Amino acid sequence: MMQSILAVPAALLSVGASTEKLPEHLVLEPYPDAQVWKEVTHDTVGAKFLIERVPSDQNADHYKDILVAMALPEKRGADPSVALRGIIQLAGGKCDAVRANGPKAQIEGGFNVAYGQVYCGRQRGTSFGLKIFYKIIQGNDAQYVVLRERHVAPSTVGGIQSFSKDQMNAVIEEMKSDALANTYLIKSVYLCGSSSADDRCKAQTPS
């Protein structure tokens, strides 16, 4: 189970006729990786849920990559930018050489959304650094927090790693991984339901 100190702690749907109110639900499309990602956690308590997915060659206790999604109904209506700003502030006390981007606020499908990234040179108490990409959605029923976390080599500047001249392929792969994480959150994570104006929801049913 996810133990990252930068993750938000978890406090712990069929299509009807046109006259019915469609339930609000978060869509997490499969992560576009060379290998299939598997679900290792799916906990639900009322309207709250915690979902964790990792690559098929990793597990919930020992992972370098993880996708996490949470529904927090007690925070419905809360500004996602404020929530993300709080997460970024927490990073300063948990990481050496932390750097952050965001929050970047926008509207998607009629919902307020905030994006941001936290780059941790080294998570205290560990031997690795972190890159965490966030998307927070202000739904009508809950606040939805989705993050893509990667463990990376430690560095003296968050998000800036050192490579030798013969490691150009590693540099390119690192850049691709970062771009993929951002693109996934933008294009493959969205909220559906009666209040959504997102055309992608037409092909989705609650799960």
C-alpha atoms as a PDB file:
ATOM      1  CA  MET A   1       0.000   0.000   0.000  1.00  0.00           C
ATOM      2  CA  MET A   2       1.174   3.503  -0.776  1.00  0.00           C
ATOM      3  CA  GLN A   3       3.322   4.971   1.999  1.00  0.00           C
ATOM      4  CA  SER A   4       4.633   8.138   0.367  1.00  0.00           C
ATOM      5  CA  ILE A   5       4.738  11.019   2.810  1.00  0.00           C
ATOM      6  CA  LEU A   6       3.758  13.393   0.010  1.00  0.00           C
ATOM      7  CA  ALA A   7       0.542  11.597  -0.838  1.00  0.00           C
ATOM      8  CA  VAL A   8      -2.734  12.844   0.564  1.00  0.00           C
ATOM      9  CA  PRO A   9      -3.777  10.438   3.364  1.00  0.00           C
ATOM     10  CA  ALA A  10      -6.956   8.564   2.641  1.00  0.00           C
ATOM     11  CA  ALA A  11      -9.476   9.234   5.427  1.00  0.00           C
ATOM     12  CA  LEU A  12     -10.321   6.144   5.954  1.00  0.00           C
ATOM     13  CA  LEU A  13     -23.040   3.138 -11.474  1.00  0.00           C
ATOM     14  CA  SER A  14     -24.984   2.060 -14.774  1.00  0.00           C
ATOM     15  CA  VAL A  15     -26.306   4.537 -17.311  1.00  0.00           C
ATOM     16  CA  GLY A  16     -29.997   5.260 -16.810  1.00  0.00           C
ATOM     17  CA  ALA A  17     -32.622   6.900 -18.941  1.00  0.00           C
ATOM     18  CA  SER A  18     -32.138  10.502 -19.985  1.00  0.00           C
ATOM     19  CA  THR A  19     -34.436  11.701 -17.194  1.00  0.00           C
ATOM     20  CA  GLU A  20     -32.328  10.022 -14.519  1.00  0.00           C
ATOM     21  CA  LYS A  21     -29.407  11.654 -12.768  1.00  0.00           C
ATOM     22  CA  LEU A  22     -26.202   9.877 -13.728  1.00  0.00           C
ATOM     23  CA  PRO A  23     -23.969   9.134 -10.733  1.00  0.00           C
ATOM     24  CA  GLU A  24     -20.718  11.049 -10.508  1.00  0.00           C
ATOM     25  CA  HIS A  25     -17.718   8.816 -11.129  1.00  0.00           C
ATOM     26  CA  LEU A  26     -14.013   9.224 -11.730  1.00  0.00           C
ATOM     27  CA  VAL A  27     -12.583   7.698 -14.892  1.00  0.00           C
ATOM     28  CA  LEU A  28      -9.041   6.308 -14.766  1.00  0.00           C
ATOM     29  CA  GLU A  29      -8.065   4.948 -18.146  1.00  0.00           C
ATOM     30  CA  PRO A  30      -5.334   2.264 -18.301  1.00  0.00           C
ATOM     31  CA  TYR A  31      -1.864   3.716 -17.871  1.00  0.00           C
ATOM     32  CA  PRO A  32      -0.131   3.761 -21.288  1.00  0.00           C
ATOM     33  CA  ASP A  33       2.967   1.742 -20.488  1.00  0.00           C
ATOM     34  CA  ALA A  34       4.834  -1.104 -22.194  1.00  0.00           C
ATOM     35  CA  GLN A  35       3.550  -3.401 -19.469  1.00  0.00           C
ATOM     36  CA  VAL A  36       0.102  -3.657 -17.969  1.00  0.00           C
ATOM     37  CA  TRP A  37      -0.512  -1.926 -14.646  1.00  0.00           C
ATOM     38  CA  LYS A  38      -2.388  -3.920 -12.032  1.00  0.00           C
ATOM     39  CA  GLU A  39      -4.706  -2.770  -9.272  1.00  0.00           C
ATOM     40  CA  VAL A  40      -3.258  -3.568  -5.843  1.00  0.00           C
ATOM     41  CA  THR A  41      -5.706  -1.612  -3.679  1.00  0.00           C
ATOM     42  CA  HIS A  42      -9.394  -0.826  -4.064  1.00  0.00           C
ATOM     43  CA  ASP A  43     -10.854   0.182  -0.720  1.00  0.00           C
ATOM     44  CA  THR A  44     -14.309   1.746  -0.438  1.00  0.00           C
ATOM     45  CA  VAL A  45     -16.014   3.153   2.629  1.00  0.00           C
ATOM     46  CA  GLY A  46     -19.289   4.784   1.686  1.00  0.00           C
ATOM     47  CA  ALA A  47     -18.510   7.438  -0.917  1.00  0.00           C
ATOM     48  CA  LYS A  48     -14.788   7.376  -0.097  1.00  0.00           C
ATOM     49  CA  PHE A  49     -12.398   5.227  -2.058  1.00  0.00           C
ATOM     50  CA  LEU A  50      -8.697   4.560  -2.442  1.00  0.00           C
ATOM     51  CA  ILE A  51      -7.349   2.981  -5.622  1.00  0.00           C
ATOM     52  CA  GLU A  52      -3.702   2.080  -6.210  1.00  0.00           C
ATOM     53  CA  ARG A  53      -2.163   0.669  -9.389  1.00  0.00           C
ATOM     54  CA  VAL A  54       1.432  -0.359 -10.064  1.00  0.00           C
ATOM     55  CA  PRO A  55       3.270  -1.962 -13.014  1.00  0.00           C
ATOM     56  CA  SER A  56       2.813  -5.721 -13.218  1.00  0.00           C
ATOM     57  CA  ASP A  57       6.436  -6.375 -12.177  1.00  0.00           C
ATOM     58  CA  GLN A  58       6.057  -4.361  -8.950  1.00  0.00           C
ATOM     59  CA  ASN A  59       3.882  -4.783  -5.863  1.00  0.00           C
ATOM     60  CA  ALA A  60       2.137  -2.669  -3.247  1.00  0.00           C
ATOM     61  CA  ASP A  61       4.973  -2.984  -0.711  1.00  0.00           C
ATOM     62  CA  HIS A  62       7.919  -2.541  -3.029  1.00  0.00           C
ATOM     63  CA  TYR A  63       7.265  -0.187  -5.905  1.00  0.00           C
ATOM     64  CA  LYS A  64       9.016   2.527  -7.863  1.00  0.00           C
ATOM     65  CA  ASP A  65       5.957   3.620  -9.786  1.00  0.00           C
ATOM     66  CA  ILE A  66       2.398   4.044  -8.557  1.00  0.00           C
ATOM     67  CA  LEU A  67      -0.887   5.618  -9.622  1.00  0.00           C
ATOM     68  CA  VAL A  68      -3.193   6.625  -6.772  1.00  0.00           C
ATOM     69  CA  ALA A  69      -6.770   7.924  -6.851  1.00  0.00           C
ATOM     70  CA  MET A  70      -8.849   9.007  -3.865  1.00  0.00           C
ATOM     71  CA  ALA A  71     -12.389  10.290  -3.392  1.00  0.00           C
ATOM     72  CA  LEU A  72     -12.822  12.575  -0.375  1.00  0.00           C
ATOM     73  CA  PRO A  73     -16.522  13.430   0.012  1.00  0.00           C
ATOM     74  CA  GLU A  74     -15.875  15.477   3.148  1.00  0.00           C
ATOM     75  CA  LYS A  75     -13.954  17.921   0.925  1.00  0.00           C
ATOM     76  CA  ARG A  76     -16.573  18.298  -1.811  1.00  0.00           C
ATOM     77  CA  GLY A  77     -16.849  21.885  -2.908  1.00  0.00           C
ATOM     78  CA  ALA A  78     -13.351  22.704  -1.645  1.00  0.00           C
ATOM     79  CA  ASP A  79     -11.037  24.619  -3.958  1.00  0.00           C
ATOM     80  CA  PRO A  80      -8.630  22.108  -5.554  1.00  0.00           C
ATOM     81  CA  SER A  81      -5.893  24.743  -5.838  1.00  0.00           C
ATOM     82  CA  VAL A  82      -6.021  25.330  -2.088  1.00  0.00           C
ATOM     83  CA  ALA A  83      -5.778  21.567  -1.491  1.00  0.00           C
ATOM     84  CA  LEU A  84      -2.800  21.237  -3.799  1.00  0.00           C
ATOM     85  CA  ARG A  85      -1.081  24.231  -2.248  1.00  0.00           C
ATOM     86  CA  GLY A  86      -1.360  22.477   1.113  1.00  0.00           C
ATOM     87  CA  ILE A  87       0.228  19.332  -0.307  1.00  0.00           C
ATOM     88  CA  ILE A  88       3.116  21.356  -1.716  1.00  0.00           C
ATOM     89  CA  GLN A  89       3.688  23.032   1.638  1.00  0.00           C
ATOM     90  CA  LEU A  90       3.877  19.637   3.354  1.00  0.00           C
ATOM     91  CA  ALA A  91       6.623  18.567   0.961  1.00  0.00           C
ATOM     92  CA  GLY A  92       9.014  21.123   2.408  1.00  0.00           C
ATOM     93  CA  GLY A  93       9.068  19.325   5.741  1.00  0.00           C
ATOM     94  CA  LYS A  94       9.416  15.854   4.287  1.00  0.00           C
ATOM     95  CA  CYS A  95      12.009  16.303   1.561  1.00  0.00           C
ATOM     96  CA  ASP A  96      15.525  17.589   1.057  1.00  0.00           C
ATOM     97  CA  ALA A  97      15.886  19.900  -1.937  1.00  0.00           C
ATOM     98  CA  VAL A  98      12.199  20.135  -2.777  1.00  0.00           C
ATOM     99  CA  ARG A  99      10.920  21.996  -5.829  1.00  0.00           C
ATOM    100  CA  ALA A 100       7.327  22.393  -6.966  1.00  0.00           C
ATOM    101  CA  ASN A 101       5.204  23.695  -9.819  1.00  0.00           C
ATOM    102  CA  GLY A 102       1.625  24.848  -9.458  1.00  0.00           C
ATOM    103  CA  PRO A 103      -1.112  24.869  -8.591  1.00  0.00           C
ATOM    104  CA  LYS A 104      -2.311  25.499 -12.135  1.00  0.00           C
ATOM    105  CA  ALA A 105      -6.078  25.997 -12.094  1.00  0.00           C
ATOM    106  CA  GLN A 106      -8.437  25.376 -14.986  1.00  0.00           C
ATOM    107  CA  ILE A 107     -11.891  24.061 -15.817  1.00  0.00           C
ATOM    108  CA  GLU A 108     -12.438  20.653 -17.435  1.00  0.00           C
ATOM    109  CA  GLY A 109     -15.858  19.296 -18.275  1.00  0.00           C
ATOM    110  CA  GLY A 110     -17.416  21.997 -16.117  1.00  0.00           C
ATOM    111  CA  PHE A 111     -15.365  21.079 -13.020  1.00  0.00           C
ATOM    112  CA  ASN A 112     -12.620  23.094 -11.322  1.00  0.00           C
ATOM    113  CA  VAL A 113      -9.285  21.297 -11.588  1.00  0.00           C
ATOM    114  CA  ALA A 114      -5.772  21.932 -10.277  1.00  0.00           C
ATOM    115  CA  TYR A 115      -2.514  20.494 -11.584  1.00  0.00           C
ATOM    116  CA  GLY A 116       0.905  20.513  -9.968  1.00  0.00           C
ATOM    117  CA  GLN A 117       4.184  18.675  -9.603  1.00  0.00           C
ATOM    118  CA  VAL A 118       6.431  18.066  -6.608  1.00  0.00           C
ATOM    119  CA  TYR A 119      10.092  17.214  -7.143  1.00  0.00           C
ATOM    120  CA  CYS A 120      11.821  15.856  -4.072  1.00  0.00           C
ATOM    121  CA  GLY A 121      15.615  15.605  -4.203  1.00  0.00           C
ATOM    122  CA  ARG A 122      15.523  12.968  -1.483  1.00  0.00           C
ATOM    123  CA  GLN A 123      12.654  11.837   0.682  1.00  0.00           C
ATOM    124  CA  ARG A 124      13.922  11.958   4.232  1.00  0.00           C
ATOM    125  CA  GLY A 125      14.546   8.540   5.709  1.00  0.00           C
ATOM    126  CA  THR A 126      15.007   6.937   2.293  1.00  0.00           C
ATOM    127  CA  SER A 127      17.693   6.615  -0.357  1.00  0.00           C
ATOM    128  CA  PHE A 128      15.603   7.914  -3.268  1.00  0.00           C
ATOM    129  CA  GLY A 129      14.071  11.060  -4.642  1.00  0.00           C
ATOM    130  CA  LEU A 130      10.490  11.516  -5.829  1.00  0.00           C
ATOM    131  CA  LYS A 131       8.616  12.986  -8.722  1.00  0.00           C
ATOM    132  CA  ILE A 132       4.895  13.308  -8.035  1.00  0.00           C
ATOM    133  CA  PHE A 133       2.385  14.604 -10.550  1.00  0.00           C
ATOM    134  CA  TYR A 134      -1.002  15.722  -9.187  1.00  0.00           C
ATOM    135  CA  LYS A 135      -4.486  16.351 -10.499  1.00  0.00           C
ATOM    136  CA  ILE A 136      -7.251  17.392  -8.113  1.00  0.00           C
ATOM    137  CA  ILE A 137     -10.856  17.699  -9.279  1.00  0.00           C
ATOM    138  CA  GLN A 138     -13.618  19.542  -7.444  1.00  0.00           C
ATOM    139  CA  GLY A 139     -16.634  17.322  -7.930  1.00  0.00           C
ATOM    140  CA  ASN A 140     -20.169  17.795  -6.649  1.00  0.00           C
ATOM    141  CA  ASP A 141     -20.030  14.639  -4.519  1.00  0.00           C
ATOM    142  CA  ALA A 142     -16.362  14.617  -3.512  1.00  0.00           C
ATOM    143  CA  GLN A 143     -12.932  16.035  -4.104  1.00  0.00           C
ATOM    144  CA  TYR A 144     -10.903  13.646  -6.247  1.00  0.00           C
ATOM    145  CA  VAL A 145      -7.133  13.458  -5.814  1.00  0.00           C
ATOM    146  CA  VAL A 146      -5.113  11.595  -8.421  1.00  0.00           C
ATOM    147  CA  LEU A 147      -1.335  11.315  -8.372  1.00  0.00           C
ATOM    148  CA  ARG A 148       1.357   9.585 -10.359  1.00  0.00           C
ATOM    149  CA  GLU A 149       4.467   8.975  -8.274  1.00  0.00           C
ATOM    150  CA  ARG A 150       7.915   7.905  -9.452  1.00  0.00           C
ATOM    151  CA  HIS A 151      10.957   7.009  -7.384  1.00  0.00           C
ATOM    152  CA  VAL A 152      14.162   8.389  -8.872  1.00  0.00           C
ATOM    153  CA  ALA A 153      17.823   8.671  -7.969  1.00  0.00           C
ATOM    154  CA  PRO A 154      18.489  11.244  -5.215  1.00  0.00           C
ATOM    155  CA  SER A 155      19.692  14.686  -6.245  1.00  0.00           C
ATOM    156  CA  THR A 156      20.759  17.960  -4.680  1.00  0.00           C
ATOM    157  CA  VAL A 157      18.072  19.834  -6.623  1.00  0.00           C
ATOM    158  CA  GLY A 158      14.559  18.427  -6.785  1.00  0.00           C
ATOM    159  CA  GLY A 159      13.731  17.145 -10.252  1.00  0.00           C
ATOM    160  CA  ILE A 160      17.238  17.762 -11.590  1.00  0.00           C
ATOM    161  CA  GLN A 161      19.283  14.603 -11.944  1.00  0.00           C
ATOM    162  CA  SER A 162      22.890  14.245 -13.026  1.00  0.00           C
ATOM    163  CA  PHE A 163      23.796  12.116 -16.019  1.00  0.00           C
ATOM    164  CA  SER A 164      27.129  11.425 -17.675  1.00  0.00           C
ATOM    165  CA  LYS A 165      27.663  12.070 -21.375  1.00  0.00           C
ATOM    166  CA  ASP A 166      27.178   8.396 -22.186  1.00  0.00           C
ATOM    167  CA  GLN A 167      23.760   8.331 -20.517  1.00  0.00           C
ATOM    168  CA  MET A 168      21.872  10.300 -23.132  1.00  0.00           C
ATOM    169  CA  ASN A 169      19.361   7.476 -23.586  1.00  0.00           C
ATOM    170  CA  ALA A 170      18.595   7.601 -19.870  1.00  0.00           C
ATOM    171  CA  VAL A 171      18.021  11.358 -20.111  1.00  0.00           C
ATOM    172  CA  ILE A 172      15.599  10.882 -22.983  1.00  0.00           C
ATOM    173  CA  GLU A 173      13.699   8.131 -21.159  1.00  0.00           C
ATOM    174  CA  GLU A 174      13.445  10.307 -18.054  1.00  0.00           C
ATOM    175  CA  MET A 175      11.973  13.163 -20.076  1.00  0.00           C
ATOM    176  CA  LYS A 176       9.535  10.794 -21.766  1.00  0.00           C
ATOM    177  CA  SER A 177       8.378   9.406 -18.411  1.00  0.00           C
ATOM    178  CA  ASP A 178       7.708  12.902 -17.069  1.00  0.00           C
ATOM    179  CA  ALA A 179       5.812  13.924 -20.185  1.00  0.00           C
ATOM    180  CA  LEU A 180       3.765  10.732 -20.114  1.00  0.00           C
ATOM    181  CA  ALA A 181       2.742  11.295 -16.486  1.00  0.00           C
ATOM    182  CA  ASN A 182       1.524  14.815 -17.241  1.00  0.00           C
ATOM    183  CA  THR A 183      -0.245  13.784 -20.422  1.00  0.00           C
ATOM    184  CA  TYR A 184      -1.973  10.876 -18.724  1.00  0.00           C
ATOM    185  CA  LEU A 185      -3.452  13.078 -16.005  1.00  0.00           C
ATOM    186  CA  ILE A 186      -4.683  15.593 -18.570  1.00  0.00           C
ATOM    187  CA  LYS A 187      -6.107  13.228 -21.155  1.00  0.00           C
ATOM    188  CA  SER A 188      -6.977  10.029 -19.294  1.00  0.00           C
ATOM    189  CA  VAL A 189      -8.296  11.141 -15.889  1.00  0.00           C
ATOM    190  CA  TYR A 190     -11.665  12.903 -15.822  1.00  0.00           C
ATOM    191  CA  LEU A 191     -14.960  13.136 -14.007  1.00  0.00           C
ATOM    192  CA  CYS A 192     -18.275  11.965 -15.434  1.00  0.00           C
ATOM    193  CA  GLY A 193     -21.868  12.252 -14.294  1.00  0.00           C
ATOM    194  CA  SER A 194     -24.942  14.380 -14.897  1.00  0.00           C
ATOM    195  CA  SER A 195     -22.995  17.610 -14.292  1.00  0.00           C
ATOM    196  CA  SER A 196     -20.137  16.757 -16.652  1.00  0.00           C
ATOM    197  CA  ALA A 197     -19.781  18.516 -19.995  1.00  0.00           C
ATOM    198  CA  ASP A 198     -16.937  16.229 -21.059  1.00  0.00           C
ATOM    199  CA  ASP A 199     -17.673  14.494 -24.363  1.00  0.00           C
ATOM    200  CA  ARG A 200     -15.509  11.540 -23.321  1.00  0.00           C
ATOM    201  CA  CYS A 201     -18.154  10.618 -20.749  1.00  0.00           C
ATOM    202  CA  LYS A 202     -20.552   9.563 -23.500  1.00  0.00           C
ATOM    203  CA  ALA A 203     -18.516   6.388 -23.917  1.00  0.00           C
ATOM    204  CA  GLN A 204     -18.154   5.715 -20.199  1.00  0.00           C
ATOM    205  CA  THR A 205     -20.340   3.929 -17.666  1.00  0.00           C
ATOM    206  CA  PRO A 206     -19.737   3.949 -13.897  1.00  0.00           C
ATOM    207  CA  SER A 207     -17.570   1.162 -12.512  1.00  0.00           C
END
